[in-house]
């Protein structure tokens, strides 16, 4: 694990970068598209988002403070509902938020999916609210 003075400053490891790039290149080849890319402001999330953007030939990425590890899913969902509609949104976050957010979004807050570092979950989102999505798949590097 890369060392840093704070969790927010911890960088993505070289192994992590290579795994993220390989996974997202495969996803792109399989037809997964990305229209908007939003990441936690933490350094490793921003670096992960940059890898995803590069896998798609370059695209803008945005930072969102509601995607940090200690954030509450409801705060993020409230923020997201105010955003312009987007068909293929990619979020880059951290554990434990990503597991809790996924569980709340699919309406099963007690059944939190486990995610390895770099995992990707695809959700079919009806609405940015508790119970407003369906889990399609989870892929790991």
N, C-alpha and C. Protein backbone atom coordinates (compact mmCIF):
# COMPACT_ATOMS: atom_id res chain seq x y z
N UNK A 1 0.85 -1.18 0.00
CA UNK A 1 0.00 0.00 0.00
C UNK A 1 0.89 1.24 0.00
N UNK A 2 0.59 2.17 -0.84
CA UNK A 2 1.35 3.41 -0.92
C UNK A 2 1.15 4.21 0.36
N UNK A 3 2.19 4.85 0.83
CA UNK A 3 2.14 5.63 2.06
C UNK A 3 1.93 7.11 1.75
N UNK A 4 1.21 7.78 2.65
CA UNK A 4 0.98 9.22 2.54
C UNK A 4 0.60 9.73 3.92
N UNK A 5 0.76 11.03 4.17
CA UNK A 5 0.42 11.59 5.48
C UNK A 5 -1.06 11.40 5.85
N UNK A 6 -1.95 11.43 4.86
CA UNK A 6 -3.38 11.23 5.13
C UNK A 6 -3.97 10.30 4.08
N UNK A 7 -5.12 9.73 4.39
CA UNK A 7 -5.80 8.86 3.43
C UNK A 7 -6.13 9.62 2.15
N UNK A 8 -6.51 10.87 2.28
CA UNK A 8 -6.87 11.67 1.10
C UNK A 8 -5.70 11.86 0.15
N UNK A 9 -4.48 11.80 0.67
CA UNK A 9 -3.29 12.03 -0.15
C UNK A 9 -2.66 10.73 -0.68
N UNK A 10 -3.17 9.58 -0.22
CA UNK A 10 -2.56 8.31 -0.62
C UNK A 10 -2.74 8.10 -2.12
N UNK A 11 -1.65 7.83 -2.84
CA UNK A 11 -1.75 7.66 -4.30
C UNK A 11 -2.17 6.25 -4.69
N UNK A 12 -2.58 6.13 -5.91
CA UNK A 12 -2.84 4.84 -6.53
C UNK A 12 -1.49 4.17 -6.76
N UNK A 13 -1.39 2.90 -6.46
CA UNK A 13 -0.12 2.20 -6.69
C UNK A 13 0.05 1.93 -8.18
N UNK A 14 1.26 1.62 -8.58
CA UNK A 14 1.52 1.28 -9.99
C UNK A 14 0.73 0.03 -10.38
N UNK A 15 0.69 -0.95 -9.49
CA UNK A 15 -0.11 -2.15 -9.76
C UNK A 15 -1.58 -1.79 -9.93
N UNK A 16 -2.08 -0.93 -9.05
CA UNK A 16 -3.46 -0.49 -9.14
C UNK A 16 -3.74 0.21 -10.46
N UNK A 17 -2.82 1.07 -10.87
CA UNK A 17 -2.99 1.79 -12.13
C UNK A 17 -3.07 0.82 -13.30
N UNK A 18 -2.18 -0.15 -13.33
CA UNK A 18 -2.17 -1.14 -14.42
C UNK A 18 -3.45 -1.98 -14.42
N UNK A 19 -3.92 -2.37 -13.24
CA UNK A 19 -5.15 -3.17 -13.15
C UNK A 19 -6.37 -2.37 -13.59
N UNK A 20 -6.44 -1.11 -13.17
CA UNK A 20 -7.57 -0.25 -13.57
C UNK A 20 -7.57 -0.04 -15.08
N UNK A 21 -6.42 0.26 -15.64
CA UNK A 21 -6.32 0.47 -17.09
C UNK A 21 -6.76 -0.79 -17.85
N UNK A 22 -6.27 -1.95 -17.43
CA UNK A 22 -6.61 -3.20 -18.12
C UNK A 22 -8.11 -3.50 -18.03
N UNK A 23 -8.69 -3.33 -16.85
CA UNK A 23 -10.12 -3.59 -16.68
C UNK A 23 -10.96 -2.66 -17.54
N UNK A 24 -10.65 -1.36 -17.52
CA UNK A 24 -11.46 -0.41 -18.28
C UNK A 24 -11.23 -0.52 -19.79
N UNK A 25 -10.07 -0.95 -20.21
CA UNK A 25 -9.86 -1.21 -21.64
C UNK A 25 -10.73 -2.39 -22.08
N UNK A 26 -10.79 -3.44 -21.22
CA UNK A 26 -11.68 -4.58 -21.53
C UNK A 26 -13.14 -4.14 -21.57
N UNK A 27 -13.55 -3.35 -20.59
CA UNK A 27 -14.94 -2.88 -20.56
C UNK A 27 -15.27 -2.07 -21.82
N UNK A 28 -14.36 -1.19 -22.21
CA UNK A 28 -14.58 -0.40 -23.44
C UNK A 28 -14.72 -1.33 -24.64
N UNK A 29 -13.85 -2.33 -24.76
CA UNK A 29 -13.91 -3.28 -25.87
C UNK A 29 -15.21 -4.09 -25.86
N UNK A 30 -15.79 -4.28 -24.68
CA UNK A 30 -17.06 -5.00 -24.54
C UNK A 30 -18.26 -4.10 -24.81
N UNK A 31 -18.03 -2.83 -25.07
CA UNK A 31 -19.12 -1.92 -25.39
C UNK A 31 -19.61 -1.04 -24.27
N UNK A 32 -18.96 -1.08 -23.10
CA UNK A 32 -19.34 -0.19 -22.00
C UNK A 32 -18.94 1.23 -22.38
N UNK A 33 -19.89 2.15 -22.29
CA UNK A 33 -19.62 3.54 -22.63
C UNK A 33 -19.63 4.42 -21.38
N UNK A 34 -18.97 5.55 -21.47
CA UNK A 34 -18.89 6.50 -20.36
C UNK A 34 -19.24 7.87 -20.92
N UNK A 35 -20.29 8.49 -20.35
CA UNK A 35 -20.69 9.83 -20.76
C UNK A 35 -20.24 10.90 -19.76
N UNK A 36 -20.14 10.50 -18.49
CA UNK A 36 -19.73 11.45 -17.45
C UNK A 36 -18.95 10.68 -16.40
N UNK A 37 -17.88 11.28 -15.91
CA UNK A 37 -16.96 10.64 -14.97
C UNK A 37 -16.81 11.54 -13.75
N UNK A 38 -17.26 11.04 -12.58
CA UNK A 38 -17.22 11.81 -11.34
C UNK A 38 -16.46 11.00 -10.30
N UNK A 39 -15.51 11.64 -9.63
CA UNK A 39 -14.66 10.93 -8.66
C UNK A 39 -14.55 11.69 -7.35
N UNK A 40 -14.27 10.94 -6.32
CA UNK A 40 -13.91 11.53 -5.03
C UNK A 40 -12.71 12.46 -5.25
N UNK A 41 -12.58 13.50 -4.44
CA UNK A 41 -11.42 14.37 -4.58
C UNK A 41 -10.13 13.76 -4.03
N UNK A 42 -10.22 12.61 -3.37
CA UNK A 42 -9.02 11.95 -2.86
C UNK A 42 -8.09 11.61 -4.02
N UNK A 43 -6.80 11.69 -3.75
CA UNK A 43 -5.79 11.54 -4.79
C UNK A 43 -5.92 10.24 -5.58
N UNK A 44 -6.06 9.10 -4.91
CA UNK A 44 -6.11 7.83 -5.64
C UNK A 44 -7.37 7.71 -6.48
N UNK A 45 -8.47 8.30 -6.04
CA UNK A 45 -9.70 8.29 -6.85
C UNK A 45 -9.52 9.15 -8.09
N UNK A 46 -8.89 10.29 -7.94
CA UNK A 46 -8.62 11.15 -9.09
C UNK A 46 -7.68 10.45 -10.08
N UNK A 47 -6.69 9.74 -9.56
CA UNK A 47 -5.77 9.01 -10.43
C UNK A 47 -6.49 7.84 -11.12
N UNK A 48 -7.40 7.19 -10.41
CA UNK A 48 -8.19 6.11 -11.01
C UNK A 48 -9.07 6.67 -12.12
N UNK A 49 -9.72 7.80 -11.86
CA UNK A 49 -10.57 8.42 -12.89
C UNK A 49 -9.75 8.81 -14.12
N UNK A 50 -8.54 9.26 -13.91
CA UNK A 50 -7.67 9.60 -15.03
C UNK A 50 -7.37 8.35 -15.87
N UNK A 51 -7.15 7.22 -15.23
CA UNK A 51 -6.94 5.96 -15.96
C UNK A 51 -8.17 5.60 -16.80
N UNK A 52 -9.35 5.75 -16.22
CA UNK A 52 -10.59 5.46 -16.94
C UNK A 52 -10.72 6.40 -18.14
N UNK A 53 -10.48 7.69 -17.90
CA UNK A 53 -10.55 8.67 -18.99
C UNK A 53 -9.59 8.30 -20.11
N UNK A 54 -8.39 7.89 -19.76
CA UNK A 54 -7.40 7.51 -20.78
C UNK A 54 -7.84 6.27 -21.54
N UNK A 55 -8.46 5.32 -20.87
CA UNK A 55 -8.94 4.11 -21.54
C UNK A 55 -9.97 4.45 -22.61
N UNK A 56 -10.63 5.59 -22.45
CA UNK A 56 -11.65 6.03 -23.41
C UNK A 56 -11.13 7.14 -24.32
N UNK A 57 -9.83 7.30 -24.39
CA UNK A 57 -9.25 8.29 -25.30
C UNK A 57 -9.23 9.69 -24.76
N UNK A 58 -9.49 9.86 -23.47
CA UNK A 58 -9.47 11.18 -22.85
C UNK A 58 -10.87 11.75 -22.70
N UNK A 59 -11.17 12.22 -21.54
CA UNK A 59 -12.45 12.87 -21.26
C UNK A 59 -12.30 13.66 -19.97
N UNK A 60 -13.21 14.59 -19.75
CA UNK A 60 -13.18 15.38 -18.53
C UNK A 60 -13.61 14.52 -17.36
N UNK A 61 -13.08 14.85 -16.19
CA UNK A 61 -13.53 14.21 -14.97
C UNK A 61 -13.86 15.30 -13.97
N UNK A 62 -14.80 15.01 -13.10
CA UNK A 62 -15.26 15.96 -12.10
C UNK A 62 -14.99 15.40 -10.71
N UNK A 63 -14.79 16.28 -9.74
CA UNK A 63 -14.63 15.87 -8.36
C UNK A 63 -15.93 16.12 -7.59
N UNK A 64 -16.23 15.21 -6.68
CA UNK A 64 -17.43 15.35 -5.85
C UNK A 64 -17.09 14.95 -4.42
N UNK A 65 -17.22 15.89 -3.49
CA UNK A 65 -16.92 15.63 -2.09
C UNK A 65 -17.85 14.66 -1.42
N UNK A 66 -18.97 14.31 -2.05
CA UNK A 66 -19.90 13.34 -1.48
C UNK A 66 -19.49 11.90 -1.80
N UNK A 67 -18.32 11.71 -2.44
CA UNK A 67 -17.84 10.36 -2.77
C UNK A 67 -16.64 9.93 -1.93
N UNK A 68 -16.34 10.66 -0.85
CA UNK A 68 -15.24 10.29 0.03
C UNK A 68 -15.68 9.12 0.93
N UNK A 69 -14.73 8.36 1.51
CA UNK A 69 -15.08 7.16 2.26
C UNK A 69 -16.11 7.36 3.37
N UNK A 70 -16.03 8.49 4.07
CA UNK A 70 -16.91 8.70 5.23
C UNK A 70 -18.24 9.39 4.88
N UNK A 71 -18.49 9.64 3.61
CA UNK A 71 -19.73 10.32 3.19
C UNK A 71 -20.95 9.42 3.42
N UNK A 72 -22.10 10.05 3.46
CA UNK A 72 -23.36 9.32 3.64
C UNK A 72 -24.01 9.13 2.26
N UNK A 73 -24.48 7.92 1.98
CA UNK A 73 -25.11 7.66 0.67
C UNK A 73 -26.24 8.63 0.34
N UNK A 74 -27.06 8.95 1.34
CA UNK A 74 -28.20 9.85 1.08
C UNK A 74 -27.74 11.23 0.63
N UNK A 75 -26.62 11.72 1.17
CA UNK A 75 -26.11 13.02 0.75
C UNK A 75 -25.70 12.98 -0.72
N UNK A 76 -25.02 11.90 -1.12
CA UNK A 76 -24.63 11.78 -2.52
C UNK A 76 -25.86 11.68 -3.41
N UNK A 77 -26.83 10.85 -3.03
CA UNK A 77 -28.03 10.68 -3.86
C UNK A 77 -28.80 11.99 -3.97
N UNK A 78 -28.89 12.75 -2.88
CA UNK A 78 -29.55 14.07 -2.93
C UNK A 78 -28.83 14.99 -3.91
N UNK A 79 -27.49 14.98 -3.88
CA UNK A 79 -26.70 15.79 -4.81
C UNK A 79 -26.93 15.32 -6.25
N UNK A 80 -26.90 14.01 -6.46
CA UNK A 80 -27.02 13.46 -7.81
C UNK A 80 -28.37 13.76 -8.45
N UNK A 81 -29.43 13.74 -7.67
CA UNK A 81 -30.77 13.99 -8.22
C UNK A 81 -30.88 15.41 -8.78
N UNK A 82 -30.05 16.32 -8.29
CA UNK A 82 -30.05 17.70 -8.78
C UNK A 82 -29.19 17.89 -10.03
N UNK A 83 -28.45 16.85 -10.43
CA UNK A 83 -27.56 16.94 -11.59
C UNK A 83 -28.32 16.69 -12.88
N UNK A 84 -27.79 17.17 -14.00
CA UNK A 84 -28.41 16.87 -15.29
C UNK A 84 -28.45 15.36 -15.53
N UNK A 85 -29.48 14.91 -16.19
CA UNK A 85 -29.62 13.49 -16.49
C UNK A 85 -28.45 13.02 -17.36
N UNK A 86 -28.01 11.80 -17.11
CA UNK A 86 -26.87 11.25 -17.83
C UNK A 86 -27.08 9.75 -17.99
N UNK A 87 -26.89 9.25 -19.19
CA UNK A 87 -27.12 7.83 -19.48
C UNK A 87 -26.06 6.91 -18.89
N UNK A 88 -24.79 7.22 -19.06
CA UNK A 88 -23.70 6.32 -18.64
C UNK A 88 -22.73 7.06 -17.74
N UNK A 89 -23.08 7.11 -16.47
CA UNK A 89 -22.33 7.82 -15.45
C UNK A 89 -21.40 6.85 -14.74
N UNK A 90 -20.13 7.24 -14.58
CA UNK A 90 -19.17 6.45 -13.82
C UNK A 90 -18.78 7.23 -12.58
N UNK A 91 -18.88 6.56 -11.42
CA UNK A 91 -18.50 7.13 -10.15
C UNK A 91 -17.26 6.42 -9.64
N UNK A 92 -16.30 7.16 -9.14
CA UNK A 92 -15.09 6.58 -8.56
C UNK A 92 -15.08 6.97 -7.09
N UNK A 93 -15.18 5.98 -6.21
CA UNK A 93 -15.27 6.24 -4.79
C UNK A 93 -14.40 5.26 -4.02
N UNK A 94 -14.71 5.08 -2.74
CA UNK A 94 -13.90 4.29 -1.82
C UNK A 94 -14.80 3.42 -0.96
N UNK A 95 -14.19 2.39 -0.40
CA UNK A 95 -14.87 1.63 0.65
C UNK A 95 -14.77 2.45 1.93
N UNK A 96 -15.72 2.43 2.80
CA UNK A 96 -16.93 1.61 2.76
C UNK A 96 -18.09 2.26 2.00
N UNK A 97 -17.93 3.51 1.56
CA UNK A 97 -19.04 4.21 0.91
C UNK A 97 -19.57 3.46 -0.30
N UNK A 98 -18.70 2.96 -1.15
CA UNK A 98 -19.17 2.35 -2.40
C UNK A 98 -20.07 1.14 -2.12
N UNK A 99 -19.73 0.34 -1.12
CA UNK A 99 -20.55 -0.82 -0.78
C UNK A 99 -21.89 -0.38 -0.18
N UNK A 100 -21.85 0.57 0.72
CA UNK A 100 -23.07 1.06 1.35
C UNK A 100 -23.97 1.77 0.34
N UNK A 101 -23.38 2.61 -0.50
CA UNK A 101 -24.15 3.32 -1.53
C UNK A 101 -24.82 2.34 -2.48
N UNK A 102 -24.09 1.34 -2.92
CA UNK A 102 -24.67 0.33 -3.82
C UNK A 102 -25.84 -0.38 -3.16
N UNK A 103 -25.68 -0.77 -1.91
CA UNK A 103 -26.75 -1.48 -1.20
C UNK A 103 -27.99 -0.60 -1.02
N UNK A 104 -27.78 0.65 -0.63
CA UNK A 104 -28.91 1.58 -0.46
C UNK A 104 -29.59 1.82 -1.80
N UNK A 105 -28.80 2.04 -2.83
CA UNK A 105 -29.35 2.36 -4.15
C UNK A 105 -30.22 1.22 -4.69
N UNK A 106 -29.83 -0.02 -4.42
CA UNK A 106 -30.65 -1.15 -4.91
C UNK A 106 -31.71 -1.56 -3.90
N UNK A 107 -31.80 -0.83 -2.78
CA UNK A 107 -32.86 -1.08 -1.82
C UNK A 107 -32.61 -2.24 -0.88
N UNK A 108 -31.34 -2.62 -0.71
CA UNK A 108 -31.00 -3.71 0.20
C UNK A 108 -29.87 -3.28 1.13
N UNK A 109 -30.13 -2.31 2.02
CA UNK A 109 -29.06 -1.75 2.85
C UNK A 109 -28.38 -2.75 3.78
N UNK A 110 -29.02 -3.87 4.07
CA UNK A 110 -28.39 -4.88 4.95
C UNK A 110 -27.56 -5.88 4.17
N UNK A 111 -27.66 -5.86 2.86
CA UNK A 111 -26.95 -6.81 2.02
C UNK A 111 -25.92 -6.07 1.18
N UNK A 112 -24.86 -5.62 1.83
CA UNK A 112 -23.85 -4.81 1.15
C UNK A 112 -22.92 -5.69 0.33
N UNK A 113 -22.79 -5.39 -0.97
CA UNK A 113 -21.85 -6.17 -1.80
C UNK A 113 -20.41 -5.88 -1.40
N UNK A 114 -19.58 -6.90 -1.50
CA UNK A 114 -18.16 -6.72 -1.23
C UNK A 114 -17.45 -6.29 -2.50
N UNK A 115 -16.56 -5.36 -2.37
CA UNK A 115 -15.80 -4.87 -3.52
C UNK A 115 -14.32 -4.97 -3.22
N UNK A 116 -13.56 -5.54 -4.15
CA UNK A 116 -12.10 -5.47 -4.10
C UNK A 116 -11.69 -4.10 -4.61
N UNK A 117 -10.47 -3.72 -4.33
CA UNK A 117 -9.94 -2.47 -4.86
C UNK A 117 -10.00 -2.51 -6.39
N UNK A 118 -10.55 -1.48 -6.99
CA UNK A 118 -10.64 -1.39 -8.44
C UNK A 118 -11.86 -2.04 -9.05
N UNK A 119 -12.74 -2.62 -8.22
CA UNK A 119 -13.95 -3.26 -8.75
C UNK A 119 -14.88 -2.26 -9.39
N UNK A 120 -15.69 -2.75 -10.32
CA UNK A 120 -16.67 -1.93 -11.02
C UNK A 120 -18.04 -2.60 -10.90
N UNK A 121 -19.03 -1.84 -10.50
CA UNK A 121 -20.40 -2.34 -10.45
C UNK A 121 -21.23 -1.56 -11.46
N UNK A 122 -22.04 -2.28 -12.22
CA UNK A 122 -22.96 -1.63 -13.16
C UNK A 122 -24.35 -1.66 -12.54
N UNK A 123 -24.96 -0.50 -12.46
CA UNK A 123 -26.32 -0.38 -11.93
C UNK A 123 -27.23 0.18 -13.01
N UNK A 124 -28.41 -0.38 -13.11
CA UNK A 124 -29.45 0.18 -13.96
C UNK A 124 -30.26 1.11 -13.06
N UNK A 125 -30.07 2.41 -13.23
CA UNK A 125 -30.64 3.39 -12.32
C UNK A 125 -31.93 3.98 -12.89
N UNK A 126 -32.97 3.83 -12.13
CA UNK A 126 -34.26 4.44 -12.45
C UNK A 126 -34.30 5.86 -11.89
N UNK A 127 -33.84 5.99 -10.63
CA UNK A 127 -33.84 7.29 -9.95
C UNK A 127 -32.72 7.29 -8.90
N UNK A 128 -32.16 8.46 -8.63
CA UNK A 128 -31.11 8.59 -7.63
C UNK A 128 -31.73 8.65 -6.24
N UNK A 129 -32.21 7.50 -5.79
CA UNK A 129 -32.86 7.40 -4.48
C UNK A 129 -32.76 5.96 -3.99
N UNK A 130 -32.96 5.79 -2.70
CA UNK A 130 -32.94 4.46 -2.11
C UNK A 130 -33.93 3.56 -2.85
N UNK A 131 -33.45 2.40 -3.29
CA UNK A 131 -34.30 1.47 -4.03
C UNK A 131 -34.49 1.85 -5.48
N UNK A 132 -33.78 2.84 -5.97
CA UNK A 132 -33.99 3.34 -7.32
C UNK A 132 -33.13 2.70 -8.40
N UNK A 133 -32.41 1.62 -8.05
CA UNK A 133 -31.52 1.00 -9.03
C UNK A 133 -31.54 -0.53 -8.89
N UNK A 134 -30.99 -1.17 -9.92
CA UNK A 134 -30.87 -2.63 -9.93
C UNK A 134 -29.42 -2.96 -10.29
N UNK A 135 -28.80 -3.84 -9.50
CA UNK A 135 -27.42 -4.26 -9.75
C UNK A 135 -27.40 -5.20 -10.95
N UNK A 136 -26.61 -4.85 -11.98
CA UNK A 136 -26.49 -5.69 -13.18
C UNK A 136 -25.32 -6.65 -13.07
N UNK A 137 -24.16 -6.13 -12.69
CA UNK A 137 -22.97 -6.96 -12.56
C UNK A 137 -21.89 -6.24 -11.77
N UNK A 138 -20.91 -7.04 -11.30
CA UNK A 138 -19.71 -6.53 -10.65
C UNK A 138 -18.53 -7.20 -11.33
N UNK A 139 -17.54 -6.40 -11.73
CA UNK A 139 -16.31 -6.90 -12.35
C UNK A 139 -15.13 -6.47 -11.50
N UNK A 140 -14.11 -7.33 -11.45
CA UNK A 140 -12.91 -7.03 -10.67
C UNK A 140 -11.69 -7.07 -11.58
N UNK A 141 -10.65 -6.32 -11.21
CA UNK A 141 -9.42 -6.35 -12.01
C UNK A 141 -8.83 -7.76 -12.03
